[in-house]
Amino acid sequence: MEPESRFDATAGSTSSNSVHHDFAGTQTASLAVIKAVAAVSGADPLELPPLYDAVNPDALNALFEPHDRRDGSDLRVEFSYNGFDIVVRDGLQVTVRLEDDTE
């Protein structure tokens, strides 16, 4: 399924194959991943498969909690979920790309 190009107020940039999403400190990393995948795929977030099939959501959230991050750190978590390559970076950024997309 080809994702549609989409842009909303929470997305930093988009293309037909990826979305870059900055998430606020009050939003968890796992919720940001779900919202970003939903934006790229055009799916309802509630219809996506459970995130825990790909990554432990509690561990992901704990890694990116504001009090655990250090200034200048280069924390990066990558995994596949629902046909997409997901990258969560320190600085609260989520990038979603089609698997094997070589932009």
PDB file of N, CA and C in Angstrom:
ATOM      1  N   MET A   1       0.843  -1.177   0.000  1.00  0.00           N
ATOM      2  CA  MET A   1       0.000   0.000   0.000  1.00  0.00           C
ATOM      3  C   MET A   1       0.888   1.239   0.000  1.00  0.00           C
ATOM      4  N   GLU A   2       0.692   2.095  -0.965  1.00  0.00           N
ATOM      5  CA  GLU A   2       1.454   3.339  -1.037  1.00  0.00           C
ATOM      6  C   GLU A   2       0.856   4.350  -0.072  1.00  0.00           C
ATOM      7  N   PRO A   3       1.660   4.917   0.806  1.00  0.00           N
ATOM      8  CA  PRO A   3       1.122   5.948   1.703  1.00  0.00           C
ATOM      9  C   PRO A   3       0.842   7.221   0.930  1.00  0.00           C
ATOM     10  N   GLU A   4      -0.153   7.942   1.362  1.00  0.00           N
ATOM     11  CA  GLU A   4      -0.445   9.205   0.722  1.00  0.00           C
ATOM     12  C   GLU A   4       0.402  10.304   1.340  1.00  0.00           C
ATOM     13  N   SER A   5       0.689  11.329   0.547  1.00  0.00           N
ATOM     14  CA  SER A   5       1.431  12.465   1.075  1.00  0.00           C
ATOM     15  C   SER A   5       0.501  13.238   1.994  1.00  0.00           C
ATOM     16  N   ARG A   6       0.995  13.595   3.162  1.00  0.00           N
ATOM     17  CA  ARG A   6       0.149  14.254   4.164  1.00  0.00           C
ATOM     18  C   ARG A   6       0.996  15.193   4.998  1.00  0.00           C
ATOM     19  N   PHE A   7       0.414  16.282   5.390  1.00  0.00           N
ATOM     20  CA  PHE A   7       1.101  17.219   6.283  1.00  0.00           C
ATOM     21  C   PHE A   7       0.100  17.706   7.304  1.00  0.00           C
ATOM     22  N   ASP A   8       0.512  17.747   8.562  1.00  0.00           N
ATOM     23  CA  ASP A   8      -0.348  18.349   9.572  1.00  0.00           C
ATOM     24  C   ASP A   8       0.520  19.168  10.522  1.00  0.00           C
ATOM     25  N   ALA A   9      -0.104  19.786  11.485  1.00  0.00           N
ATOM     26  CA  ALA A   9       0.608  20.723  12.363  1.00  0.00           C
ATOM     27  C   ALA A   9       1.685  20.042  13.190  1.00  0.00           C
ATOM     28  N   THR A  10       1.605  18.737  13.382  1.00  0.00           N
ATOM     29  CA  THR A  10       2.597  18.061  14.198  1.00  0.00           C
ATOM     30  C   THR A  10       3.751  17.505  13.383  1.00  0.00           C
ATOM     31  N   ALA A  11       3.606  17.456  12.096  1.00  0.00           N
ATOM     32  CA  ALA A  11       4.660  16.876  11.261  1.00  0.00           C
ATOM     33  C   ALA A  11       5.625  17.959  10.825  1.00  0.00           C
ATOM     34  N   GLY A  12       6.909  17.657  10.889  1.00  0.00           N
ATOM     35  CA  GLY A  12       7.919  18.626  10.481  1.00  0.00           C
ATOM     36  C   GLY A  12       8.110  18.648   8.992  1.00  0.00           C
ATOM     37  N   SER A  13       8.077  17.500   8.350  1.00  0.00           N
ATOM     38  CA  SER A  13       8.191  17.422   6.902  1.00  0.00           C
ATOM     39  C   SER A  13       7.582  16.114   6.449  1.00  0.00           C
ATOM     40  N   THR A  14       7.161  16.084   5.194  1.00  0.00           N
ATOM     41  CA  THR A  14       6.566  14.872   4.662  1.00  0.00           C
ATOM     42  C   THR A  14       7.023  14.648   3.239  1.00  0.00           C
ATOM     43  N   SER A  15       6.891  13.427   2.785  1.00  0.00           N
ATOM     44  CA  SER A  15       7.016  13.081   1.382  1.00  0.00           C
ATOM     45  C   SER A  15       6.029  11.959   1.167  1.00  0.00           C
ATOM     46  N   SER A  16       5.953  11.432  -0.040  1.00  0.00           N
ATOM     47  CA  SER A  16       5.017  10.341  -0.274  1.00  0.00           C
ATOM     48  C   SER A  16       5.464   9.071   0.442  1.00  0.00           C
ATOM     49  N   ASN A  17       6.716   9.017   0.901  1.00  0.00           N
ATOM     50  CA  ASN A  17       7.228   7.809   1.529  1.00  0.00           C
ATOM     51  C   ASN A  17       7.618   7.965   2.986  1.00  0.00           C
ATOM     52  N   SER A  18       7.601   9.174   3.526  1.00  0.00           N
ATOM     53  CA  SER A  18       8.035   9.317   4.906  1.00  0.00           C
ATOM     54  C   SER A  18       7.407  10.532   5.562  1.00  0.00           C
ATOM     55  N   VAL A  19       7.472  10.524   6.874  1.00  0.00           N
ATOM     56  CA  VAL A  19       7.048  11.686   7.648  1.00  0.00           C
ATOM     57  C   VAL A  19       8.023  11.847   8.803  1.00  0.00           C
ATOM     58  N   HIS A  20       8.337  13.088   9.085  1.00  0.00           N
ATOM     59  CA  HIS A  20       9.182  13.434  10.226  1.00  0.00           C
ATOM     60  C   HIS A  20       8.270  14.116  11.221  1.00  0.00           C
ATOM     61  N   HIS A  21       8.243  13.632  12.439  1.00  0.00           N
ATOM     62  CA  HIS A  21       7.277  14.089  13.443  1.00  0.00           C
ATOM     63  C   HIS A  21       8.032  14.513  14.701  1.00  0.00           C
ATOM     64  N   ASP A  22       7.852  15.748  15.119  1.00  0.00           N
ATOM     65  CA  ASP A  22       8.407  16.217  16.385  1.00  0.00           C
ATOM     66  C   ASP A  22       7.317  16.085  17.436  1.00  0.00           C
ATOM     67  N   PHE A  23       7.630  15.441  18.559  1.00  0.00           N
ATOM     68  CA  PHE A  23       6.587  15.296  19.574  1.00  0.00           C
ATOM     69  C   PHE A  23       6.932  16.066  20.831  1.00  0.00           C
ATOM     70  N   ALA A  24       5.901  16.614  21.438  1.00  0.00           N
ATOM     71  CA  ALA A  24       6.052  17.448  22.630  1.00  0.00           C
ATOM     72  C   ALA A  24       6.427  16.595  23.833  1.00  0.00           C
ATOM     73  N   GLY A  25       7.018  17.220  24.836  1.00  0.00           N
ATOM     74  CA  GLY A  25       7.437  16.519  26.038  1.00  0.00           C
ATOM     75  C   GLY A  25       6.305  15.852  26.791  1.00  0.00           C
ATOM     76  N   THR A  26       5.083  16.288  26.584  1.00  0.00           N
ATOM     77  CA  THR A  26       3.957  15.683  27.286  1.00  0.00           C
ATOM     78  C   THR A  26       3.429  14.461  26.552  1.00  0.00           C
ATOM     79  N   GLN A  27       3.871  14.234  25.330  1.00  0.00           N
ATOM     80  CA  GLN A  27       3.434  13.084  24.549  1.00  0.00           C
ATOM     81  C   GLN A  27       4.495  11.995  24.652  1.00  0.00           C
ATOM     82  N   THR A  28       4.092  10.758  24.786  1.00  0.00           N
ATOM     83  CA  THR A  28       5.059   9.678  24.883  1.00  0.00           C
ATOM     84  C   THR A  28       5.613   9.331  23.507  1.00  0.00           C
ATOM     85  N   ALA A  29       6.783   8.729  23.501  1.00  0.00           N
ATOM     86  CA  ALA A  29       7.412   8.304  22.255  1.00  0.00           C
ATOM     87  C   ALA A  29       6.541   7.272  21.537  1.00  0.00           C
ATOM     88  N   SER A  30       5.961   6.341  22.281  1.00  0.00           N
ATOM     89  CA  SER A  30       5.136   5.309  21.638  1.00  0.00           C
ATOM     90  C   SER A  30       3.900   5.914  20.974  1.00  0.00           C
ATOM     91  N   LEU A  31       3.278   6.884  21.607  1.00  0.00           N
ATOM     92  CA  LEU A  31       2.127   7.547  21.003  1.00  0.00           C
ATOM     93  C   LEU A  31       2.548   8.337  19.763  1.00  0.00           C
ATOM     94  N   ALA A  32       3.703   8.956  19.804  1.00  0.00           N
ATOM     95  CA  ALA A  32       4.214   9.684  18.643  1.00  0.00           C
ATOM     96  C   ALA A  32       4.448   8.740  17.470  1.00  0.00           C
ATOM     97  N   VAL A  33       4.957   7.535  17.735  1.00  0.00           N
ATOM     98  CA  VAL A  33       5.162   6.551  16.669  1.00  0.00           C
ATOM     99  C   VAL A  33       3.828   6.174  16.039  1.00  0.00           C
ATOM    100  N   ILE A  34       2.837   5.887  16.860  1.00  0.00           N
ATOM    101  CA  ILE A  34       1.512   5.515  16.353  1.00  0.00           C
ATOM    102  C   ILE A  34       0.930   6.633  15.495  1.00  0.00           C
ATOM    103  N   LYS A  35       1.005   7.876  15.979  1.00  0.00           N
ATOM    104  CA  LYS A  35       0.467   9.008  15.223  1.00  0.00           C
ATOM    105  C   LYS A  35       1.211   9.211  13.905  1.00  0.00           C
ATOM    106  N   ALA A  36       2.530   9.048  13.914  1.00  0.00           N
ATOM    107  CA  ALA A  36       3.324   9.236  12.699  1.00  0.00           C
ATOM    108  C   ALA A  36       3.024   8.143  11.679  1.00  0.00           C
ATOM    109  N   VAL A  37       2.923   6.896  12.118  1.00  0.00           N
ATOM    110  CA  VAL A  37       2.597   5.794  11.201  1.00  0.00           C
ATOM    111  C   VAL A  37       1.193   5.983  10.633  1.00  0.00           C
ATOM    112  N   ALA A  38       0.270   6.396  11.456  1.00  0.00           N
ATOM    113  CA  ALA A  38      -1.091   6.656  10.984  1.00  0.00           C
ATOM    114  C   ALA A  38      -1.097   7.762   9.931  1.00  0.00           C
ATOM    115  N   ALA A  39      -0.302   8.818  10.137  1.00  0.00           N
ATOM    116  CA  ALA A  39      -0.239   9.924   9.180  1.00  0.00           C
ATOM    117  C   ALA A  39       0.321   9.469   7.843  1.00  0.00           C
ATOM    118  N   VAL A  40       1.367   8.647   7.863  1.00  0.00           N
ATOM    119  CA  VAL A  40       1.980   8.184   6.616  1.00  0.00           C
ATOM    120  C   VAL A  40       1.078   7.196   5.889  1.00  0.00           C
ATOM    121  N   SER A  41       0.462   6.296   6.636  1.00  0.00           N
ATOM    122  CA  SER A  41      -0.333   5.234   6.012  1.00  0.00           C
ATOM    123  C   SER A  41      -1.770   5.643   5.718  1.00  0.00           C
ATOM    124  N   GLY A  42      -2.226   6.732   6.327  1.00  0.00           N
ATOM    125  CA  GLY A  42      -3.616   7.139   6.145  1.00  0.00           C
ATOM    126  C   GLY A  42      -4.582   6.277   6.949  1.00  0.00           C
ATOM    127  N   ALA A  43      -4.053   5.517   7.902  1.00  0.00           N
ATOM    128  CA  ALA A  43      -4.868   4.613   8.710  1.00  0.00           C
ATOM    129  C   ALA A  43      -5.346   5.297   9.981  1.00  0.00           C
ATOM    130  N   ASP A  44      -6.429   4.785  10.521  1.00  0.00           N
ATOM    131  CA  ASP A  44      -6.894   5.212  11.836  1.00  0.00           C
ATOM    132  C   ASP A  44      -5.917   4.627  12.860  1.00  0.00           C
ATOM    133  N   PRO A  45      -5.392   5.436  13.780  1.00  0.00           N
ATOM    134  CA  PRO A  45      -4.442   4.912  14.769  1.00  0.00           C
ATOM    135  C   PRO A  45      -4.977   3.707  15.548  1.00  0.00           C
ATOM    136  N   LEU A  46      -6.279   3.646  15.768  1.00  0.00           N
ATOM    137  CA  LEU A  46      -6.870   2.532  16.514  1.00  0.00           C
ATOM    138  C   LEU A  46      -6.919   1.242  15.704  1.00  0.00           C
ATOM    139  N   GLU A  47      -6.725   1.332  14.391  1.00  0.00           N
ATOM    140  CA  GLU A  47      -6.747   0.153  13.535  1.00  0.00           C
ATOM    141  C   GLU A  47      -5.355  -0.412  13.263  1.00  0.00           C
ATOM    142  N   LEU A  48      -4.312   0.259  13.741  1.00  0.00           N
ATOM    143  CA  LEU A  48      -2.952  -0.238  13.567  1.00  0.00           C
ATOM    144  C   LEU A  48      -2.705  -1.439  14.479  1.00  0.00           C
ATOM    145  N   PRO A  49      -1.786  -2.330  14.095  1.00  0.00           N
ATOM    146  CA  PRO A  49      -1.476  -3.457  14.983  1.00  0.00           C
ATOM    147  C   PRO A  49      -0.826  -2.965  16.272  1.00  0.00           C
ATOM    148  N   PRO A  50      -0.856  -3.778  17.314  1.00  0.00           N
ATOM    149  CA  PRO A  50      -0.241  -3.362  18.583  1.00  0.00           C
ATOM    150  C   PRO A  50       1.245  -3.042  18.405  1.00  0.00           C
ATOM    151  N   LEU A  51       1.661  -1.934  18.954  1.00  0.00           N
ATOM    152  CA  LEU A  51       3.060  -1.528  18.853  1.00  0.00           C
ATOM    153  C   LEU A  51       3.971  -2.531  19.546  1.00  0.00           C
ATOM    154  N   TYR A  52       3.470  -3.184  20.596  1.00  0.00           N
ATOM    155  CA  TYR A  52       4.307  -4.123  21.344  1.00  0.00           C
ATOM    156  C   TYR A  52       4.715  -5.335  20.514  1.00  0.00           C
ATOM    157  N   ASP A  53       4.098  -5.533  19.334  1.00  0.00           N
ATOM    158  CA  ASP A  53       4.552  -6.597  18.440  1.00  0.00           C
ATOM    159  C   ASP A  53       5.910  -6.253  17.822  1.00  0.00           C
ATOM    160  N   ALA A  54       6.280  -4.968  17.836  1.00  0.00           N
ATOM    161  CA  ALA A  54       7.526  -4.511  17.229  1.00  0.00           C
ATOM    162  C   ALA A  54       8.555  -4.048  18.252  1.00  0.00           C
ATOM    163  N   VAL A  55       8.097  -3.420  19.326  1.00  0.00           N
ATOM    164  CA  VAL A  55       9.003  -2.837  20.321  1.00  0.00           C
ATOM    165  C   VAL A  55       8.255  -2.754  21.649  1.00  0.00           C
ATOM    166  N   ASN A  56       8.981  -2.758  22.739  1.00  0.00           N
ATOM    167  CA  ASN A  56       8.360  -2.620  24.051  1.00  0.00           C
ATOM    168  C   ASN A  56       8.015  -1.134  24.258  1.00  0.00           C
ATOM    169  N   PRO A  57       6.728  -0.776  24.209  1.00  0.00           N
ATOM    170  CA  PRO A  57       6.348   0.633  24.333  1.00  0.00           C
ATOM    171  C   PRO A  57       6.787   1.279  25.650  1.00  0.00           C
ATOM    172  N   ASP A  58       6.728   0.529  26.753  1.00  0.00           N
ATOM    173  CA  ASP A  58       7.147   1.086  28.038  1.00  0.00           C
ATOM    174  C   ASP A  58       8.635   1.410  28.043  1.00  0.00           C
ATOM    175  N   ALA A  59       9.438   0.531  27.465  1.00  0.00           N
ATOM    176  CA  ALA A  59      10.882   0.778  27.390  1.00  0.00           C
ATOM    177  C   ALA A  59      11.175   1.970  26.479  1.00  0.00           C
ATOM    178  N   LEU A  60      10.479   2.049  25.349  1.00  0.00           N
ATOM    179  CA  LEU A  60      10.658   3.178  24.432  1.00  0.00           C
ATOM    180  C   LEU A  60      10.312   4.490  25.125  1.00  0.00           C
ATOM    181  N   ASN A  61       9.193   4.512  25.824  1.00  0.00           N
ATOM    182  CA  ASN A  61       8.786   5.719  26.554  1.00  0.00           C
ATOM    183  C   ASN A  61       9.802   6.095  27.619  1.00  0.00           C
ATOM    184  N   ALA A  62      10.307   5.087  28.331  1.00  0.00           N
ATOM    185  CA  ALA A  62      11.276   5.355  29.401  1.00  0.00           C
ATOM    186  C   ALA A  62      12.573   5.941  28.833  1.00  0.00           C
ATOM    187  N   LEU A  63      13.003   5.447  27.685  1.00  0.00           N
ATOM    188  CA  LEU A  63      14.232   5.966  27.072  1.00  0.00           C
ATOM    189  C   LEU A  63      14.134   7.446  26.731  1.00  0.00           C
ATOM    190  N   PHE A  64      12.934   7.878  26.335  1.00  0.00           N
ATOM    191  CA  PHE A  64      12.764   9.241  25.854  1.00  0.00           C
ATOM    192  C   PHE A  64      12.017  10.149  26.823  1.00  0.00           C
ATOM    193  N   GLU A  65      11.926   9.732  28.093  1.00  0.00           N
ATOM    194  CA  GLU A  65      11.337  10.617  29.103  1.00  0.00           C
ATOM    195  C   GLU A  65      12.255  11.822  29.283  1.00  0.00           C
ATOM    196  N   PRO A  66      11.683  13.018  29.402  1.00  0.00           N
ATOM    197  CA  PRO A  66      12.517  14.232  29.486  1.00  0.00           C
ATOM    198  C   PRO A  66      13.555  14.203  30.596  1.00  0.00           C
ATOM    199  N   HIS A  67      13.255  13.651  31.753  1.00  0.00           N
ATOM    200  CA  HIS A  67      14.218  13.680  32.859  1.00  0.00           C
ATOM    201  C   HIS A  67      15.363  12.690  32.653  1.00  0.00           C
ATOM    202  N   ASP A  68      15.217  11.762  31.704  1.00  0.00           N
ATOM    203  CA  ASP A  68      16.283  10.789  31.452  1.00  0.00           C
ATOM    204  C   ASP A  68      17.239  11.224  30.347  1.00  0.00           C
ATOM    205  N   ARG A  69      16.858  12.208  29.559  1.00  0.00           N
ATOM    206  CA  ARG A  69      17.697  12.636  28.442  1.00  0.00           C
ATOM    207  C   ARG A  69      18.773  13.583  28.916  1.00  0.00           C
ATOM    208  N   ARG A  70      19.922  13.460  28.309  1.00  0.00           N
ATOM    209  CA  ARG A  70      21.036  14.365  28.605  1.00  0.00           C
ATOM    210  C   ARG A  70      21.227  15.295  27.435  1.00  0.00           C
ATOM    211  N   ASP A  71      21.580  16.552  27.705  1.00  0.00           N
ATOM    212  CA  ASP A  71      21.865  17.480  26.625  1.00  0.00           C
ATOM    213  C   ASP A  71      23.006  16.947  25.780  1.00  0.00           C
ATOM    214  N   GLY A  72      22.855  17.050  24.469  1.00  0.00           N
ATOM    215  CA  GLY A  72      23.900  16.624  23.562  1.00  0.00           C
ATOM    216  C   GLY A  72      23.960  15.125  23.341  1.00  0.00           C
ATOM    217  N   SER A  73      23.028  14.366  23.921  1.00  0.00           N
ATOM    218  CA  SER A  73      23.054  12.923  23.710  1.00  0.00           C
ATOM    219  C   SER A  73      22.617  12.606  22.285  1.00  0.00           C
ATOM    220  N   ASP A  74      22.965  11.440  21.844  1.00  0.00           N
ATOM    221  CA  ASP A  74      22.664  11.021  20.483  1.00  0.00           C
ATOM    222  C   ASP A  74      21.860   9.730  20.511  1.00  0.00           C
ATOM    223  N   LEU A  75      20.846   9.682  21.356  1.00  0.00           N
ATOM    224  CA  LEU A  75      20.019   8.495  21.493  1.00  0.00           C
ATOM    225  C   LEU A  75      19.200   8.295  20.228  1.00  0.00           C
ATOM    226  N   ARG A  76      19.186   7.053  19.737  1.00  0.00           N
ATOM    227  CA  ARG A  76      18.469   6.727  18.507  1.00  0.00           C
ATOM    228  C   ARG A  76      18.003   5.281  18.625  1.00  0.00           C
ATOM    229  N   VAL A  77      16.714   5.047  18.378  1.00  0.00           N
ATOM    230  CA  VAL A  77      16.148   3.707  18.394  1.00  0.00           C
ATOM    231  C   VAL A  77      15.507   3.469  17.037  1.00  0.00           C
ATOM    232  N   GLU A  78      15.842   2.336  16.413  1.00  0.00           N
ATOM    233  CA  GLU A  78      15.292   1.983  15.102  1.00  0.00           C
ATOM    234  C   GLU A  78      14.601   0.629  15.197  1.00  0.00           C
ATOM    235  N   PHE A  79      13.464   0.497  14.518  1.00  0.00           N
ATOM    236  CA  PHE A  79      12.759  -0.777  14.465  1.00  0.00           C
ATOM    237  C   PHE A  79      11.776  -0.735  13.296  1.00  0.00           C
ATOM    238  N   SER A  80      11.254  -1.897  12.936  1.00  0.00           N
ATOM    239  CA  SER A  80      10.246  -2.002  11.878  1.00  0.00           C
ATOM    240  C   SER A  80       8.883  -2.193  12.528  1.00  0.00           C
ATOM    241  N   TYR A  81       7.884  -1.554  11.924  1.00  0.00           N
ATOM    242  CA  TYR A  81       6.521  -1.656  12.450  1.00  0.00           C
ATOM    243  C   TYR A  81       5.534  -1.429  11.322  1.00  0.00           C
ATOM    244  N   ASN A  82       4.649  -2.362  11.121  1.00  0.00           N
ATOM    245  CA  ASN A  82       3.542  -2.238  10.174  1.00  0.00           C
ATOM    246  C   ASN A  82       4.023  -1.893   8.756  1.00  0.00           C
ATOM    247  N   GLY A  83       5.145  -2.462   8.329  1.00  0.00           N
ATOM    248  CA  GLY A  83       5.659  -2.220   6.986  1.00  0.00           C
ATOM    249  C   GLY A  83       6.495  -0.960   6.846  1.00  0.00           C
ATOM    250  N   PHE A  84       6.857  -0.349   7.964  1.00  0.00           N
ATOM    251  CA  PHE A  84       7.641   0.892   7.945  1.00  0.00           C
ATOM    252  C   PHE A  84       8.901   0.741   8.785  1.00  0.00           C
ATOM    253  N   ASP A  85       9.935   1.467   8.400  1.00  0.00           N
ATOM    254  CA  ASP A  85      11.129   1.616   9.224  1.00  0.00           C
ATOM    255  C   ASP A  85      10.909   2.846  10.094  1.00  0.00           C
ATOM    256  N   ILE A  86      11.066   2.687  11.394  1.00  0.00           N
ATOM    257  CA  ILE A  86      10.826   3.753  12.359  1.00  0.00           C
ATOM    258  C   ILE A  86      12.158   4.139  12.986  1.00  0.00           C
ATOM    259  N   VAL A  87      12.407   5.438  13.095  1.00  0.00           N
ATOM    260  CA  VAL A  87      13.574   5.946  13.804  1.00  0.00           C
ATOM    261  C   VAL A  87      13.075   6.963  14.824  1.00  0.00           C
ATOM    262  N   VAL A  88      13.369   6.722  16.091  1.00  0.00           N
ATOM    263  CA  VAL A  88      13.046   7.677  17.158  1.00  0.00           C
ATOM    264  C   VAL A  88      14.379   8.228  17.637  1.00  0.00           C
ATOM    265  N   ARG A  89      14.503   9.555  17.620  1.00  0.00           N
ATOM    266  CA  ARG A  89      15.757  10.209  18.001  1.00  0.00           C
ATOM    267  C   ARG A  89      15.553  11.091  19.217  1.00  0.00           C
ATOM    268  N   ASP A  90      16.648  11.232  19.963  1.00  0.00           N
ATOM    269  CA  ASP A  90      16.643  12.198  21.049  1.00  0.00           C
ATOM    270  C   ASP A  90      16.357  13.557  20.434  1.00  0.00           C
ATOM    271  N   GLY A  91      15.755  14.412  21.167  1.00  0.00           N
ATOM    272  CA  GLY A  91      15.245  15.646  20.606  1.00  0.00           C
ATOM    273  C   GLY A  91      13.787  15.454  20.225  1.00  0.00           C
ATOM    274  N   LEU A  92      13.272  14.268  20.562  1.00  0.00           N
ATOM    275  CA  LEU A  92      11.863  13.924  20.391  1.00  0.00           C
ATOM    276  C   LEU A  92      11.422  13.986  18.933  1.00  0.00           C
ATOM    277  N   GLN A  93      12.101  13.235  18.094  1.00  0.00           N
ATOM    278  CA  GLN A  93      11.778  13.183  16.674  1.00  0.00           C
ATOM    279  C   GLN A  93      11.500  11.746  16.260  1.00  0.00           C
ATOM    280  N   VAL A  94      10.455  11.561  15.463  1.00  0.00           N
ATOM    281  CA  VAL A  94      10.122  10.257  14.896  1.00  0.00           C
ATOM    282  C   VAL A  94      10.137  10.396  13.386  1.00  0.00           C
ATOM    283  N   THR A  95      10.844   9.493  12.708  1.00  0.00           N
ATOM    284  CA  THR A  95      10.817   9.434  11.247  1.00  0.00           C
ATOM    285  C   THR A  95      10.263   8.086  10.847  1.00  0.00           C
ATOM    286  N   VAL A  96       9.330   8.096   9.895  1.00  0.00           N
ATOM    287  CA  VAL A  96       8.685   6.881   9.402  1.00  0.00           C
ATOM    288  C   VAL A  96       8.949   6.808   7.905  1.00  0.00           C
ATOM    289  N   ARG A  97       9.502   5.673   7.457  1.00  0.00           N
ATOM    290  CA  ARG A  97       9.754   5.449   6.029  1.00  0.00           C
ATOM    291  C   ARG A  97       9.266   4.076   5.647  1.00  0.00           C
ATOM    292  N   LEU A  98       8.862   3.920   4.392  1.00  0.00           N
ATOM    293  CA  LEU A  98       8.552   2.588   3.891  1.00  0.00           C
ATOM    294  C   LEU A  98       9.785   1.712   4.068  1.00  0.00           C
ATOM    295  N   GLU A  99       9.588   0.468   4.455  1.00  0.00           N
ATOM    296  CA  GLU A  99      10.738  -0.430   4.581  1.00  0.00           C
ATOM    297  C   GLU A  99      11.461  -0.510   3.262  1.00  0.00           C
ATOM    298  N   ASP A 100      12.790  -0.526   3.331  1.00  0.00           N
ATOM    299  CA  ASP A 100      13.668  -0.592   2.153  1.00  0.00           C
ATOM    300  C   ASP A 100      13.574   0.620   1.265  1.00  0.00           C
ATOM    301  N   ASP A 101      13.064   1.745   1.758  1.00  0.00           N
ATOM    302  CA  ASP A 101      13.039   2.999   1.000  1.00  0.00           C
ATOM    303  C   ASP A 101      14.424   3.628   1.086  1.00  0.00           C
ATOM    304  N   THR A 102      15.006   3.969  -0.038  1.00  0.00           N
ATOM    305  CA  THR A 102      16.371   4.499  -0.068  1.00  0.00           C
ATOM    306  C   THR A 102      16.386   5.950  -0.507  1.00  0.00           C
ATOM    307  N   GLU A 103      15.568   6.773   0.118  1.00  0.00           N
ATOM    308  CA  GLU A 103      15.515   8.199  -0.212  1.00  0.00           C
ATOM    309  C   GLU A 103      16.875   8.829  -0.188  1.00  0.00           C
TER     310      GLU A 103
END
